């Protein structure tokens, strides 16, 4: 099995194809979504910035970004659900596109022949929205949370052009990730996943307190104790935390070795990589990749793996990517 790591990008640098370079253009975004202007506050450099401590402000920013950059209308999520940072999620999509392109003689295959599986798409549907807009890929989004999928269906219904591009499937077994989802003979060109980070509710609460302390230090004052870091239980924690979730995904992926070209997931804790790569070696993965990603002070990485040998990969490309 081969294993490679991509060179680290300079700190705070987004992927070159990421639409969210530089400062947010609040003037343009505010014209599109006037409600966003209600949440602007003076920043340290005397420029206006967003009140990122306010969950309604973060949601309004996402709504404006998705409409302005991706043409998504009427994006919203129910109260208490995870509201992901769009630029960081876009970086994952572009990093995955680069990996697929590397597997295709340096040319990123685009269009609806390619189908991605978004494991845990949530109420926000971010990865399919970005991946379809930027690369024309089709998606199947899965989740164990029926209300989350109901909201994702509402987003699709509000954007008729997505009706044939995004399919949503409920995972009825909380212990399974790919079983009951990937059908016999079905093929996916890639998977995406943003796994739960924490082992339990208390660990999530303690992490939230640390984020608040950091925000208070940045603002130089005590902040109102409202919850800006939303998320349902299944979005934030699970048995075994991130490593437990990813070990299950890695093990389960071997049962679908010929159904997926590139499996992938975000890995927030770099210390988890050794165990995951060891599991993949034992399961017979032919290739693994670790792609570092940095947005500001946040460091993460994409772990990708395939069980296909070179002959199988050539046949796959000829059949689906040409």
Protein backbone atom coordinates (compact mmCIF):
# COMPACT_ATOMS: atom_id res chain seq x y z
CA UNK A 1 0.00 0.00 0.00
CA UNK A 2 1.36 3.43 -0.88
CA UNK A 3 0.85 6.44 1.34
CA UNK A 4 1.46 10.09 0.46
CA UNK A 5 1.06 13.46 2.11
CA UNK A 6 0.55 16.65 0.12
CA UNK A 7 2.77 19.63 0.95
CA UNK A 8 1.25 21.92 3.57
CA UNK A 9 -0.21 25.18 2.29
CA UNK A 10 0.86 28.45 3.92
CA UNK A 11 -1.19 29.29 7.01
CA UNK A 12 -4.54 31.00 6.38
CA UNK A 13 -4.41 30.15 2.67
CA UNK A 14 -7.51 28.68 1.08
CA UNK A 15 -7.42 26.43 -1.95
CA UNK A 16 -6.82 28.47 -5.15
CA UNK A 17 -10.22 27.49 -6.56
CA UNK A 18 -12.03 28.36 -3.34
CA UNK A 19 -14.50 31.19 -4.02
CA UNK A 20 -14.00 32.67 -0.55
CA UNK A 21 -10.59 34.35 -0.81
CA UNK A 22 -9.78 37.39 1.29
CA UNK A 23 -12.22 39.32 3.44
CA UNK A 24 -15.94 38.84 3.26
CA UNK A 25 -17.50 41.47 0.98
CA UNK A 26 -20.25 42.50 3.39
CA UNK A 27 -21.39 45.34 1.12
CA UNK A 28 -22.17 42.97 -1.74
CA UNK A 29 -23.53 40.25 0.55
CA UNK A 30 -25.66 42.79 2.40
CA UNK A 31 -27.29 44.00 -0.82
CA UNK A 32 -28.23 40.41 -1.58
CA UNK A 33 -29.35 39.55 1.97
CA UNK A 34 -30.10 42.80 3.87
CA UNK A 35 -30.72 40.93 7.14
CA UNK A 36 -26.97 40.22 7.28
CA UNK A 37 -26.27 43.92 7.91
CA UNK A 38 -28.01 43.68 11.30
CA UNK A 39 -25.15 41.55 12.61
CA UNK A 40 -22.17 43.67 11.59
CA UNK A 41 -20.01 45.14 14.37
CA UNK A 42 -16.81 47.21 14.44
CA UNK A 43 -13.66 45.11 14.23
CA UNK A 44 -10.23 45.72 15.74
CA UNK A 45 -9.01 47.30 12.49
CA UNK A 46 -12.02 49.66 12.39
CA UNK A 47 -13.55 47.68 9.52
CA UNK A 48 -16.96 46.11 9.98
CA UNK A 49 -16.98 42.43 10.81
CA UNK A 50 -19.62 39.86 11.69
CA UNK A 51 -20.66 39.09 15.24
CA UNK A 52 -19.51 35.50 15.06
CA UNK A 53 -20.72 34.91 18.63
CA UNK A 54 -24.31 35.16 17.42
CA UNK A 55 -25.71 31.97 15.83
CA UNK A 56 -28.26 33.98 13.83
CA UNK A 57 -25.40 36.03 12.34
CA UNK A 58 -23.45 32.95 11.28
CA UNK A 59 -26.57 31.47 9.70
CA UNK A 60 -27.27 34.73 7.85
CA UNK A 61 -23.69 34.76 6.54
CA UNK A 62 -24.00 31.21 5.24
CA UNK A 63 -27.29 32.04 3.55
CA UNK A 64 -25.71 35.03 1.82
CA UNK A 65 -22.54 33.18 0.80
CA UNK A 66 -24.45 30.24 -0.65
CA UNK A 67 -26.77 32.52 -2.61
CA UNK A 68 -24.02 34.83 -3.88
CA UNK A 69 -21.37 32.26 -4.81
CA UNK A 70 -23.43 29.15 -5.58
CA UNK A 71 -26.86 30.41 -6.57
CA UNK A 72 -28.58 28.54 -3.72
CA UNK A 73 -31.94 30.04 -2.82
CA UNK A 74 -33.73 29.89 0.53
CA UNK A 75 -30.97 28.09 2.43
CA UNK A 76 -31.75 27.67 6.12
CA UNK A 77 -31.38 25.15 8.94
CA UNK A 78 -33.55 24.51 12.00
CA UNK A 79 -32.48 26.00 15.32
CA UNK A 80 -29.84 23.94 17.11
CA UNK A 81 -28.39 22.27 14.02
CA UNK A 82 -24.77 22.50 12.93
CA UNK A 83 -24.03 25.62 10.89
CA UNK A 84 -20.74 24.84 9.14
CA UNK A 85 -18.21 27.40 7.88
CA UNK A 86 -18.68 27.47 4.11
CA UNK A 87 -15.08 28.35 3.14
CA UNK A 88 -13.61 25.44 5.07
CA UNK A 89 -16.14 22.99 3.66
CA UNK A 90 -15.34 24.24 0.15
CA UNK A 91 -11.65 23.55 0.76
CA UNK A 92 -12.42 19.89 1.43
CA UNK A 93 -14.38 19.62 -1.83
CA UNK A 94 -11.52 21.18 -3.81
CA UNK A 95 -8.88 19.01 -2.14
CA UNK A 96 -10.92 15.95 -3.06
CA UNK A 97 -11.30 17.23 -6.63
CA UNK A 98 -7.51 17.53 -6.87
CA UNK A 99 -7.09 13.95 -5.70
CA UNK A 100 -9.61 12.70 -8.26
CA UNK A 101 -7.85 14.74 -10.95
CA UNK A 102 -4.50 13.27 -9.97
CA UNK A 103 -6.05 9.85 -10.54
CA UNK A 104 -7.15 11.02 -14.01
CA UNK A 105 -3.92 12.23 -15.63
CA UNK A 106 -4.15 15.61 -13.93
CA UNK A 107 -7.60 16.46 -15.32
CA UNK A 108 -10.47 16.84 -12.84
CA UNK A 109 -13.46 14.96 -14.27
CA UNK A 110 -16.61 17.05 -14.09
CA UNK A 111 -20.27 16.52 -14.72
CA UNK A 112 -23.09 14.25 -13.55
CA UNK A 113 -21.35 10.97 -14.43
CA UNK A 114 -19.46 11.34 -11.17
CA UNK A 115 -21.47 10.56 -8.05
CA UNK A 116 -20.37 11.33 -4.50
CA UNK A 117 -21.67 9.90 -1.24
CA UNK A 118 -21.92 12.45 1.58
CA UNK A 119 -22.00 10.47 4.82
CA UNK A 120 -23.85 12.56 7.41
CA UNK A 121 -24.99 15.36 5.13
CA UNK A 122 -27.01 16.93 7.95
CA UNK A 123 -29.65 19.62 7.65
CA UNK A 124 -27.21 21.97 5.92
CA UNK A 125 -26.38 19.89 2.78
CA UNK A 126 -23.20 21.93 2.31
CA UNK A 127 -20.96 19.45 0.46
CA UNK A 128 -23.49 18.50 -2.24
CA UNK A 129 -24.38 22.17 -2.81
CA UNK A 130 -20.75 23.15 -3.32
CA UNK A 131 -19.68 20.05 -5.22
CA UNK A 132 -22.58 20.25 -7.66
CA UNK A 133 -22.10 23.97 -8.32
CA UNK A 134 -18.32 23.86 -8.77
CA UNK A 135 -17.90 20.51 -10.53
CA UNK A 136 -21.34 19.42 -11.74
CA UNK A 137 -21.15 16.20 -9.71
CA UNK A 138 -24.24 14.39 -8.51
CA UNK A 139 -24.61 13.39 -4.87
CA UNK A 140 -26.32 11.01 -2.52
CA UNK A 141 -26.57 12.49 0.98
CA UNK A 142 -27.21 10.24 3.97
CA UNK A 143 -28.04 10.81 7.61
CA UNK A 144 -29.53 9.03 10.62
CA UNK A 145 -31.56 12.14 11.50
CA UNK A 146 -34.92 12.22 9.70
CA UNK A 147 -35.68 15.89 10.54
CA UNK A 148 -32.26 16.89 9.19
CA UNK A 149 -32.98 15.13 5.91
CA UNK A 150 -36.41 16.75 5.81
CA UNK A 151 -34.74 20.16 5.88
CA UNK A 152 -32.21 19.06 3.25
CA UNK A 153 -35.14 18.02 1.02
CA UNK A 154 -36.67 21.46 1.55
CA UNK A 155 -33.45 23.08 0.30
CA UNK A 156 -33.47 20.86 -2.79
CA UNK A 157 -37.14 21.64 -3.43
CA UNK A 158 -36.39 25.37 -3.21
CA UNK A 159 -33.78 24.95 -5.95
CA UNK A 160 -35.44 22.97 -8.78
CA UNK A 161 -32.20 22.56 -10.73
CA UNK A 162 -30.95 20.29 -7.92
CA UNK A 163 -33.83 17.83 -8.13
CA UNK A 164 -31.95 15.45 -10.43
CA UNK A 165 -28.57 16.18 -8.84
CA UNK A 166 -29.03 15.38 -5.15
CA UNK A 167 -30.69 12.30 -3.67
CA UNK A 168 -31.22 11.87 0.07
CA UNK A 169 -31.32 8.56 1.95
CA UNK A 170 -32.12 7.85 5.60
CA UNK A 171 -29.77 5.48 7.43
CA UNK A 172 -32.10 3.58 9.73
CA UNK A 173 -29.36 1.73 11.65
CA UNK A 174 -27.39 4.06 13.90
CA UNK A 175 -24.48 1.62 13.99
CA UNK A 176 -24.05 1.49 10.20
CA UNK A 177 -22.55 3.96 7.76
CA UNK A 178 -22.42 2.30 4.34
CA UNK A 179 -24.53 -0.81 4.85
CA UNK A 180 -28.20 -0.20 3.98
CA UNK A 181 -27.10 2.77 1.86
CA UNK A 182 -24.86 1.49 -0.94
CA UNK A 183 -26.95 -0.75 -3.14
CA UNK A 184 -25.83 -3.92 -4.92
CA UNK A 185 -23.91 -2.93 -8.02
CA UNK A 186 -24.05 0.76 -7.15
CA UNK A 187 -20.89 2.81 -7.70
CA UNK A 188 -19.66 5.99 -6.05
CA UNK A 189 -16.63 7.87 -7.29
CA UNK A 190 -15.89 9.30 -3.86
CA UNK A 191 -17.21 9.72 -0.34
CA UNK A 192 -17.09 12.73 1.97
CA UNK A 193 -17.59 12.77 5.72
CA UNK A 194 -17.28 15.23 8.59
CA UNK A 195 -17.35 12.90 11.61
CA UNK A 196 -18.50 13.77 15.13
CA UNK A 197 -15.56 15.04 17.18
CA UNK A 198 -16.49 14.19 20.77
CA UNK A 199 -17.10 11.11 22.88
CA UNK A 200 -20.10 12.46 24.79
CA UNK A 201 -22.16 15.53 25.60
CA UNK A 202 -19.84 16.66 28.41
CA UNK A 203 -16.80 16.65 26.14
CA UNK A 204 -18.75 18.77 23.64
CA UNK A 205 -19.76 21.21 26.40
CA UNK A 206 -16.18 21.59 27.61
CA UNK A 207 -15.00 22.25 24.04
CA UNK A 208 -17.71 24.88 23.69
CA UNK A 209 -16.49 26.60 26.87
CA UNK A 210 -12.95 26.71 25.49
CA UNK A 211 -14.20 28.30 22.26
CA UNK A 212 -16.06 30.92 24.28
CA UNK A 213 -12.95 31.73 26.33
CA UNK A 214 -10.97 32.16 23.11
CA UNK A 215 -13.63 34.47 21.67
CA UNK A 216 -13.70 36.53 24.87
CA UNK A 217 -9.91 36.90 24.73
CA UNK A 218 -10.15 38.04 21.11
CA UNK A 219 -12.87 40.59 21.93
CA UNK A 220 -11.28 41.66 25.21
CA UNK A 221 -14.56 41.41 27.11
CA UNK A 222 -17.06 38.97 28.57
CA UNK A 223 -19.62 37.78 26.05
CA UNK A 224 -23.24 36.81 26.45
CA UNK A 225 -23.40 33.06 27.10
CA UNK A 226 -25.61 32.12 24.17
CA UNK A 227 -24.79 29.02 22.18
CA UNK A 228 -23.16 29.88 18.86
CA UNK A 229 -21.60 26.49 18.29
CA UNK A 230 -24.74 24.54 17.48
CA UNK A 231 -25.18 20.92 16.62
CA UNK A 232 -27.44 18.01 17.40
CA UNK A 233 -26.11 15.15 19.49
CA UNK A 234 -25.36 12.95 16.47
CA UNK A 235 -23.50 15.84 14.81
CA UNK A 236 -21.23 16.46 17.79
CA UNK A 237 -20.50 13.17 19.54
CA UNK A 238 -20.72 9.40 19.29
CA UNK A 239 -19.38 6.31 21.03
CA UNK A 240 -15.60 6.44 20.82
CA UNK A 241 -15.56 10.00 19.48
CA UNK A 242 -13.90 10.79 16.18
CA UNK A 243 -11.50 7.85 16.20
CA UNK A 244 -14.29 5.41 17.07
CA UNK A 245 -16.43 6.70 14.22
CA UNK A 246 -13.59 6.62 11.70
CA UNK A 247 -12.44 3.14 12.65
CA UNK A 248 -15.99 1.95 11.98
CA UNK A 249 -16.00 3.75 8.63
CA UNK A 250 -12.63 2.29 7.63
CA UNK A 251 -13.64 -1.25 8.58
CA UNK A 252 -17.01 -0.98 6.88
CA UNK A 253 -15.44 0.46 3.73
CA UNK A 254 -13.57 -2.80 3.08
CA UNK A 255 -16.94 -4.49 2.48
CA UNK A 256 -17.51 -2.03 -0.38
CA UNK A 257 -13.99 -2.18 -1.79
CA UNK A 258 -15.11 -2.24 -5.43
CA UNK A 259 -18.09 0.11 -4.96
CA UNK A 260 -16.10 3.29 -4.30
CA UNK A 261 -13.03 4.70 -6.04
CA UNK A 262 -11.87 7.10 -3.29
CA UNK A 263 -13.18 6.89 0.25
CA UNK A 264 -12.44 10.05 2.22
CA UNK A 265 -13.13 11.80 5.50
CA UNK A 266 -12.00 14.80 7.46
CA UNK A 267 -9.79 13.98 10.45
CA UNK A 268 -9.65 16.79 12.99
CA UNK A 269 -7.07 15.18 15.29
CA UNK A 270 -3.78 14.41 13.61
CA UNK A 271 -2.95 11.93 16.39
CA UNK A 272 -5.71 9.65 15.02
CA UNK A 273 -3.97 9.11 11.68
CA UNK A 274 -1.53 6.39 12.76
CA UNK A 275 -4.27 4.07 13.99
CA UNK A 276 -6.42 4.68 10.92
CA UNK A 277 -3.56 4.07 8.48
CA UNK A 278 -2.61 0.90 10.34
CA UNK A 279 -6.21 -0.32 10.04
CA UNK A 280 -6.16 0.43 6.32
CA UNK A 281 -2.93 -1.51 5.80
CA UNK A 282 -4.41 -4.51 7.59
CA UNK A 283 -7.59 -4.31 5.50
CA UNK A 284 -5.64 -4.25 2.23
CA UNK A 285 -6.04 -0.66 1.04
CA UNK A 286 -3.94 -0.10 -2.08
CA UNK A 287 -3.34 3.61 -1.59
CA UNK A 288 -3.89 6.18 1.16
CA UNK A 289 -3.44 9.95 1.09
CA UNK A 290 -3.30 12.58 3.82
CA UNK A 291 -3.96 16.12 2.58
CA UNK A 292 -3.40 18.91 5.16
CA UNK A 293 -5.84 21.82 5.11
CA UNK A 294 -5.51 25.13 6.94
CA UNK A 295 -7.99 27.97 7.35
CA UNK A 296 -6.63 30.68 9.61
CA UNK A 297 -5.67 29.08 12.93
CA UNK A 298 -7.62 25.91 12.23
CA UNK A 299 -5.66 22.89 11.03
CA UNK A 300 -7.33 19.77 9.70
CA UNK A 301 -6.68 17.12 7.08
CA UNK A 302 -8.41 14.87 4.60
CA UNK A 303 -7.71 11.15 4.79
CA UNK A 304 -8.46 9.29 1.56
CA UNK A 305 -8.04 5.63 0.65
CA UNK A 306 -8.85 3.16 -2.11
CA UNK A 307 -8.94 -0.62 -2.33
CA UNK A 308 -8.77 -0.63 -6.13
CA UNK A 309 -5.58 -1.77 -7.83
CA UNK A 310 -4.17 0.10 -10.82
CA UNK A 311 -5.93 -2.08 -13.37
CA UNK A 312 -9.28 -1.61 -11.63
CA UNK A 313 -8.71 2.15 -11.45
CA UNK A 314 -7.97 2.37 -15.18
CA UNK A 315 -11.13 0.43 -15.98
CA UNK A 316 -13.17 2.66 -13.66
CA UNK A 317 -11.83 5.84 -15.27
CA UNK A 318 -12.55 4.56 -18.77
CA UNK A 319 -16.09 3.58 -17.85
CA UNK A 320 -17.08 6.66 -15.79
CA UNK A 321 -14.68 9.57 -16.22
CA UNK A 322 -13.89 9.72 -19.91
